[in-house]
Amino acid sequence: MSPFVRAVTRIESESDAEGWRVARIPVGSVRQTCVELLRFGADIEVMAPPELRAKMVEVAAAMNMIYVQ
């Protein structure tokens, strides 16, 4: 994560009932952001923008086809 992204990332201080916290980070291209966020595995859920969420779904489904047979 670049210094700029770290500087403008905002993470809510309070967790929800399941222990999740909302983080808002600036994104560049959908593809590059997807690649960067995949390193978090199941410890992250992309809520927006819709194009990024769709890309995450697409990549996760493709990985599922490889690893779950």
PDB file of N, CA and C in Angstrom:
ATOM      1  N   MET A   1       0.852  -1.163   0.000  1.00  0.00           N
ATOM      2  CA  MET A   1       0.000   0.000   0.000  1.00  0.00           C
ATOM      3  C   MET A   1       0.903   1.232   0.000  1.00  0.00           C
ATOM      4  N   SER A   2       0.609   2.155  -0.876  1.00  0.00           N
ATOM      5  CA  SER A   2       1.441   3.348  -0.999  1.00  0.00           C
ATOM      6  C   SER A   2       1.262   4.258   0.217  1.00  0.00           C
ATOM      7  N   PRO A   3       2.243   5.142   0.459  1.00  0.00           N
ATOM      8  CA  PRO A   3       2.102   6.101   1.574  1.00  0.00           C
ATOM      9  C   PRO A   3       0.853   6.968   1.428  1.00  0.00           C
ATOM     10  N   PHE A   4       0.502   7.332   0.196  1.00  0.00           N
ATOM     11  CA  PHE A   4      -0.700   8.136  -0.020  1.00  0.00           C
ATOM     12  C   PHE A   4      -1.941   7.388   0.429  1.00  0.00           C
ATOM     13  N   VAL A   5      -2.051   6.128   0.026  1.00  0.00           N
ATOM     14  CA  VAL A   5      -3.220   5.324   0.395  1.00  0.00           C
ATOM     15  C   VAL A   5      -3.293   5.180   1.906  1.00  0.00           C
ATOM     16  N   ARG A   6      -2.166   4.899   2.540  1.00  0.00           N
ATOM     17  CA  ARG A   6      -2.160   4.789   4.008  1.00  0.00           C
ATOM     18  C   ARG A   6      -2.597   6.095   4.657  1.00  0.00           C
ATOM     19  N   ALA A   7      -2.169   7.217   4.099  1.00  0.00           N
ATOM     20  CA  ALA A   7      -2.478   8.518   4.696  1.00  0.00           C
ATOM     21  C   ALA A   7      -3.952   8.868   4.619  1.00  0.00           C
ATOM     22  N   VAL A   8      -4.633   8.446   3.578  1.00  0.00           N
ATOM     23  CA  VAL A   8      -6.045   8.820   3.426  1.00  0.00           C
ATOM     24  C   VAL A   8      -7.015   7.700   3.765  1.00  0.00           C
ATOM     25  N   THR A   9      -6.512   6.547   4.159  1.00  0.00           N
ATOM     26  CA  THR A   9      -7.384   5.447   4.573  1.00  0.00           C
ATOM     27  C   THR A   9      -8.052   5.810   5.891  1.00  0.00           C
ATOM     28  N   ARG A  10      -9.325   5.547   5.971  1.00  0.00           N
ATOM     29  CA  ARG A  10     -10.086   5.815   7.195  1.00  0.00           C
ATOM     30  C   ARG A  10     -10.726   4.513   7.658  1.00  0.00           C
ATOM     31  N   ILE A  11     -10.456   4.139   8.900  1.00  0.00           N
ATOM     32  CA  ILE A  11     -11.026   2.924   9.479  1.00  0.00           C
ATOM     33  C   ILE A  11     -11.874   3.329  10.681  1.00  0.00           C
ATOM     34  N   GLU A  12     -13.126   2.899  10.678  1.00  0.00           N
ATOM     35  CA  GLU A  12     -14.012   3.229  11.795  1.00  0.00           C
ATOM     36  C   GLU A  12     -13.469   2.618  13.080  1.00  0.00           C
ATOM     37  N   SER A  13     -13.562   3.333  14.159  1.00  0.00           N
ATOM     38  CA  SER A  13     -13.013   2.860  15.433  1.00  0.00           C
ATOM     39  C   SER A  13     -13.889   1.797  16.084  1.00  0.00           C
ATOM     40  N   GLU A  14     -15.164   1.795  15.783  1.00  0.00           N
ATOM     41  CA  GLU A  14     -16.097   0.840  16.396  1.00  0.00           C
ATOM     42  C   GLU A  14     -16.360  -0.334  15.456  1.00  0.00           C
ATOM     43  N   SER A  15     -16.414  -1.526  16.023  1.00  0.00           N
ATOM     44  CA  SER A  15     -16.751  -2.735  15.266  1.00  0.00           C
ATOM     45  C   SER A  15     -18.250  -2.965  15.327  1.00  0.00           C
ATOM     46  N   ASP A  16     -18.775  -3.687  14.329  1.00  0.00           N
ATOM     47  CA  ASP A  16     -20.183  -4.056  14.386  1.00  0.00           C
ATOM     48  C   ASP A  16     -20.347  -5.271  15.300  1.00  0.00           C
ATOM     49  N   ALA A  17     -21.548  -5.815  15.383  1.00  0.00           N
ATOM     50  CA  ALA A  17     -21.841  -6.931  16.285  1.00  0.00           C
ATOM     51  C   ALA A  17     -21.016  -8.180  15.973  1.00  0.00           C
ATOM     52  N   GLU A  18     -20.570  -8.309  14.727  1.00  0.00           N
ATOM     53  CA  GLU A  18     -19.779  -9.482  14.327  1.00  0.00           C
ATOM     54  C   GLU A  18     -18.281  -9.210  14.369  1.00  0.00           C
ATOM     55  N   GLY A  19     -17.894  -8.029  14.815  1.00  0.00           N
ATOM     56  CA  GLY A  19     -16.473  -7.700  14.929  1.00  0.00           C
ATOM     57  C   GLY A  19     -15.856  -7.042  13.709  1.00  0.00           C
ATOM     58  N   TRP A  20     -16.659  -6.738  12.684  1.00  0.00           N
ATOM     59  CA  TRP A  20     -16.161  -6.102  11.463  1.00  0.00           C
ATOM     60  C   TRP A  20     -16.096  -4.591  11.643  1.00  0.00           C
ATOM     61  N   ARG A  21     -15.118  -3.981  10.997  1.00  0.00           N
ATOM     62  CA  ARG A  21     -15.017  -2.525  10.965  1.00  0.00           C
ATOM     63  C   ARG A  21     -14.985  -2.081   9.505  1.00  0.00           C
ATOM     64  N   VAL A  22     -15.536  -0.917   9.242  1.00  0.00           N
ATOM     65  CA  VAL A  22     -15.557  -0.373   7.887  1.00  0.00           C
ATOM     66  C   VAL A  22     -14.297   0.442   7.670  1.00  0.00           C
ATOM     67  N   ALA A  23     -13.637   0.186   6.533  1.00  0.00           N
ATOM     68  CA  ALA A  23     -12.470   0.966   6.128  1.00  0.00           C
ATOM     69  C   ALA A  23     -12.766   1.583   4.767  1.00  0.00           C
ATOM     70  N   ARG A  24     -12.401   2.828   4.626  1.00  0.00           N
ATOM     71  CA  ARG A  24     -12.564   3.508   3.345  1.00  0.00           C
ATOM     72  C   ARG A  24     -11.168   3.816   2.817  1.00  0.00           C
ATOM     73  N   ILE A  25     -10.878   3.279   1.642  1.00  0.00           N
ATOM     74  CA  ILE A  25      -9.566   3.492   1.041  1.00  0.00           C
ATOM     75  C   ILE A  25      -9.745   4.010  -0.384  1.00  0.00           C
ATOM     76  N   PRO A  26      -8.843   4.870  -0.823  1.00  0.00           N
ATOM     77  CA  PRO A  26      -8.922   5.316  -2.214  1.00  0.00           C
ATOM     78  C   PRO A  26      -8.511   4.166  -3.124  1.00  0.00           C
ATOM     79  N   VAL A  27      -9.152   4.060  -4.266  1.00  0.00           N
ATOM     80  CA  VAL A  27      -8.816   2.995  -5.207  1.00  0.00           C
ATOM     81  C   VAL A  27      -8.410   3.597  -6.541  1.00  0.00           C
ATOM     82  N   GLY A  28      -7.531   2.880  -7.211  1.00  0.00           N
ATOM     83  CA  GLY A  28      -7.137   3.256  -8.568  1.00  0.00           C
ATOM     84  C   GLY A  28      -7.929   2.414  -9.531  1.00  0.00           C
ATOM     85  N   SER A  29      -7.216   1.651 -10.334  1.00  0.00           N
ATOM     86  CA  SER A  29      -7.922   0.789 -11.279  1.00  0.00           C
ATOM     87  C   SER A  29      -8.575  -0.360 -10.521  1.00  0.00           C
ATOM     88  N   VAL A  30      -9.682  -0.838 -11.043  1.00  0.00           N
ATOM     89  CA  VAL A  30     -10.395  -1.954 -10.425  1.00  0.00           C
ATOM     90  C   VAL A  30      -9.497  -3.183 -10.373  1.00  0.00           C
ATOM     91  N   ARG A  31      -8.801  -3.463 -11.471  1.00  0.00           N
ATOM     92  CA  ARG A  31      -7.945  -4.654 -11.534  1.00  0.00           C
ATOM     93  C   ARG A  31      -6.830  -4.598 -10.490  1.00  0.00           C
ATOM     94  N   GLN A  32      -6.128  -3.477 -10.413  1.00  0.00           N
ATOM     95  CA  GLN A  32      -5.021  -3.363  -9.468  1.00  0.00           C
ATOM     96  C   GLN A  32      -5.511  -3.409  -8.025  1.00  0.00           C
ATOM     97  N   THR A  33      -6.616  -2.755  -7.743  1.00  0.00           N
ATOM     98  CA  THR A  33      -7.159  -2.774  -6.389  1.00  0.00           C
ATOM     99  C   THR A  33      -7.589  -4.180  -6.006  1.00  0.00           C
ATOM    100  N   CYS A  34      -8.200  -4.894  -6.934  1.00  0.00           N
ATOM    101  CA  CYS A  34      -8.598  -6.279  -6.685  1.00  0.00           C
ATOM    102  C   CYS A  34      -7.380  -7.121  -6.309  1.00  0.00           C
ATOM    103  N   VAL A  35      -6.322  -6.995  -7.085  1.00  0.00           N
ATOM    104  CA  VAL A  35      -5.092  -7.745  -6.809  1.00  0.00           C
ATOM    105  C   VAL A  35      -4.572  -7.425  -5.411  1.00  0.00           C
ATOM    106  N   GLU A  36      -4.568  -6.156  -5.047  1.00  0.00           N
ATOM    107  CA  GLU A  36      -4.063  -5.758  -3.729  1.00  0.00           C
ATOM    108  C   GLU A  36      -4.948  -6.277  -2.598  1.00  0.00           C
ATOM    109  N   LEU A  37      -6.251  -6.270  -2.791  1.00  0.00           N
ATOM    110  CA  LEU A  37      -7.161  -6.690  -1.720  1.00  0.00           C
ATOM    111  C   LEU A  37      -7.249  -8.203  -1.569  1.00  0.00           C
ATOM    112  N   LEU A  38      -6.933  -8.945  -2.612  1.00  0.00           N
ATOM    113  CA  LEU A  38      -6.984 -10.405  -2.526  1.00  0.00           C
ATOM    114  C   LEU A  38      -6.046 -10.953  -1.457  1.00  0.00           C
ATOM    115  N   ARG A  39      -5.008 -10.222  -1.114  1.00  0.00           N
ATOM    116  CA  ARG A  39      -4.070 -10.716  -0.093  1.00  0.00           C
ATOM    117  C   ARG A  39      -4.731 -10.839   1.278  1.00  0.00           C
ATOM    118  N   PHE A  40      -5.862 -10.187   1.470  1.00  0.00           N
ATOM    119  CA  PHE A  40      -6.575 -10.293   2.738  1.00  0.00           C
ATOM    120  C   PHE A  40      -7.464 -11.535   2.804  1.00  0.00           C
ATOM    121  N   GLY A  41      -7.635 -12.220   1.681  1.00  0.00           N
ATOM    122  CA  GLY A  41      -8.441 -13.439   1.663  1.00  0.00           C
ATOM    123  C   GLY A  41      -9.848 -13.199   2.180  1.00  0.00           C
ATOM    124  N   ALA A  42     -10.298 -14.081   3.056  1.00  0.00           N
ATOM    125  CA  ALA A  42     -11.662 -13.995   3.602  1.00  0.00           C
ATOM    126  C   ALA A  42     -11.782 -12.999   4.753  1.00  0.00           C
ATOM    127  N   ASP A  43     -10.699 -12.272   5.043  1.00  0.00           N
ATOM    128  CA  ASP A  43     -10.739 -11.287   6.124  1.00  0.00           C
ATOM    129  C   ASP A  43     -11.207  -9.918   5.648  1.00  0.00           C
ATOM    130  N   ILE A  44     -11.713  -9.862   4.417  1.00  0.00           N
ATOM    131  CA  ILE A  44     -12.179  -8.589   3.866  1.00  0.00           C
ATOM    132  C   ILE A  44     -13.423  -8.836   3.019  1.00  0.00           C
ATOM    133  N   GLU A  45     -14.324  -7.872   3.024  1.00  0.00           N
ATOM    134  CA  GLU A  45     -15.466  -7.893   2.108  1.00  0.00           C
ATOM    135  C   GLU A  45     -15.548  -6.522   1.466  1.00  0.00           C
ATOM    136  N   VAL A  46     -15.477  -6.482   0.158  1.00  0.00           N
ATOM    137  CA  VAL A  46     -15.584  -5.229  -0.586  1.00  0.00           C
ATOM    138  C   VAL A  46     -17.060  -4.899  -0.745  1.00  0.00           C
ATOM    139  N   MET A  47     -17.442  -3.733  -0.291  1.00  0.00           N
ATOM    140  CA  MET A  47     -18.837  -3.309  -0.368  1.00  0.00           C
ATOM    141  C   MET A  47     -19.074  -2.368  -1.552  1.00  0.00           C
ATOM    142  N   ALA A  48     -18.088  -1.564  -1.898  1.00  0.00           N
ATOM    143  CA  ALA A  48     -18.214  -0.586  -2.977  1.00  0.00           C
ATOM    144  C   ALA A  48     -16.812  -0.197  -3.432  1.00  0.00           C
ATOM    145  N   PRO A  49     -16.661   0.282  -4.617  1.00  0.00           N
ATOM    146  CA  PRO A  49     -17.673   0.502  -5.634  1.00  0.00           C
ATOM    147  C   PRO A  49     -18.145  -0.820  -6.242  1.00  0.00           C
ATOM    148  N   PRO A  50     -19.310  -0.812  -6.883  1.00  0.00           N
ATOM    149  CA  PRO A  50     -19.879  -2.046  -7.420  1.00  0.00           C
ATOM    150  C   PRO A  50     -18.970  -2.762  -8.418  1.00  0.00           C
ATOM    151  N   GLU A  51     -18.211  -1.994  -9.210  1.00  0.00           N
ATOM    152  CA  GLU A  51     -17.319  -2.621 -10.197  1.00  0.00           C
ATOM    153  C   GLU A  51     -16.223  -3.424  -9.508  1.00  0.00           C
ATOM    154  N   LEU A  52     -15.723  -2.906  -8.401  1.00  0.00           N
ATOM    155  CA  LEU A  52     -14.674  -3.609  -7.660  1.00  0.00           C
ATOM    156  C   LEU A  52     -15.254  -4.850  -6.986  1.00  0.00           C
ATOM    157  N   ARG A  53     -16.425  -4.714  -6.408  1.00  0.00           N
ATOM    158  CA  ARG A  53     -17.071  -5.877  -5.787  1.00  0.00           C
ATOM    159  C   ARG A  53     -17.307  -6.976  -6.825  1.00  0.00           C
ATOM    160  N   ALA A  54     -17.774  -6.592  -8.007  1.00  0.00           N
ATOM    161  CA  ALA A  54     -18.010  -7.566  -9.081  1.00  0.00           C
ATOM    162  C   ALA A  54     -16.710  -8.247  -9.506  1.00  0.00           C
ATOM    163  N   LYS A  55     -15.623  -7.497  -9.573  1.00  0.00           N
ATOM    164  CA  LYS A  55     -14.332  -8.077  -9.946  1.00  0.00           C
ATOM    165  C   LYS A  55     -13.865  -9.061  -8.877  1.00  0.00           C
ATOM    166  N   MET A  56     -14.060  -8.723  -7.616  1.00  0.00           N
ATOM    167  CA  MET A  56     -13.684  -9.630  -6.529  1.00  0.00           C
ATOM    168  C   MET A  56     -14.489 -10.927  -6.626  1.00  0.00           C
ATOM    169  N   VAL A  57     -15.781 -10.821  -6.928  1.00  0.00           N
ATOM    170  CA  VAL A  57     -16.632 -11.997  -7.094  1.00  0.00           C
ATOM    171  C   VAL A  57     -16.129 -12.846  -8.258  1.00  0.00           C
ATOM    172  N   GLU A  58     -15.812 -12.204  -9.361  1.00  0.00           N
ATOM    173  CA  GLU A  58     -15.319 -12.907 -10.548  1.00  0.00           C
ATOM    174  C   GLU A  58     -14.032 -13.686 -10.244  1.00  0.00           C
ATOM    175  N   VAL A  59     -13.090 -13.035  -9.584  1.00  0.00           N
ATOM    176  CA  VAL A  59     -11.812 -13.684  -9.273  1.00  0.00           C
ATOM    177  C   VAL A  59     -12.006 -14.800  -8.254  1.00  0.00           C
ATOM    178  N   ALA A  60     -12.823 -14.566  -7.230  1.00  0.00           N
ATOM    179  CA  ALA A  60     -13.073 -15.604  -6.226  1.00  0.00           C
ATOM    180  C   ALA A  60     -13.738 -16.828  -6.857  1.00  0.00           C
ATOM    181  N   ALA A  61     -14.660 -16.613  -7.787  1.00  0.00           N
ATOM    182  CA  ALA A  61     -15.318 -17.731  -8.467  1.00  0.00           C
ATOM    183  C   ALA A  61     -14.319 -18.508  -9.315  1.00  0.00           C
ATOM    184  N   ALA A  62     -13.429 -17.811  -9.991  1.00  0.00           N
ATOM    185  CA  ALA A  62     -12.409 -18.484 -10.804  1.00  0.00           C
ATOM    186  C   ALA A  62     -11.463 -19.294  -9.921  1.00  0.00           C
ATOM    187  N   MET A  63     -11.089 -18.741  -8.774  1.00  0.00           N
ATOM    188  CA  MET A  63     -10.220 -19.467  -7.850  1.00  0.00           C
ATOM    189  C   MET A  63     -10.945 -20.684  -7.291  1.00  0.00           C
ATOM    190  N   ASN A  64     -12.223 -20.539  -7.024  1.00  0.00           N
ATOM    191  CA  ASN A  64     -13.022 -21.648  -6.529  1.00  0.00           C
ATOM    192  C   ASN A  64     -13.018 -22.800  -7.533  1.00  0.00           C
ATOM    193  N   MET A  65     -13.111 -22.485  -8.800  1.00  0.00           N
ATOM    194  CA  MET A  65     -13.106 -23.519  -9.839  1.00  0.00           C
ATOM    195  C   MET A  65     -11.773 -24.265  -9.873  1.00  0.00           C
ATOM    196  N   ILE A  66     -10.692 -23.585  -9.542  1.00  0.00           N
ATOM    197  CA  ILE A  66      -9.364 -24.216  -9.532  1.00  0.00           C
ATOM    198  C   ILE A  66      -9.186 -25.093  -8.296  1.00  0.00           C
ATOM    199  N   TYR A  67      -9.549 -24.585  -7.131  1.00  0.00           N
ATOM    200  CA  TYR A  67      -9.206 -25.239  -5.880  1.00  0.00           C
ATOM    201  C   TYR A  67     -10.276 -26.172  -5.323  1.00  0.00           C
ATOM    202  N   VAL A  68     -11.514 -26.026  -5.738  1.00  0.00           N
ATOM    203  CA  VAL A  68     -12.584 -26.865  -5.223  1.00  0.00           C
ATOM    204  C   VAL A  68     -13.108 -27.732  -6.362  1.00  0.00           C
ATOM    205  N   GLN A  69     -12.702 -28.971  -6.341  1.00  0.00           N
ATOM    206  CA  GLN A  69     -13.130 -29.877  -7.421  1.00  0.00           C
ATOM    207  C   GLN A  69     -13.636 -31.158  -6.849  1.00  0.00           C
TER     208      GLN A  69
END
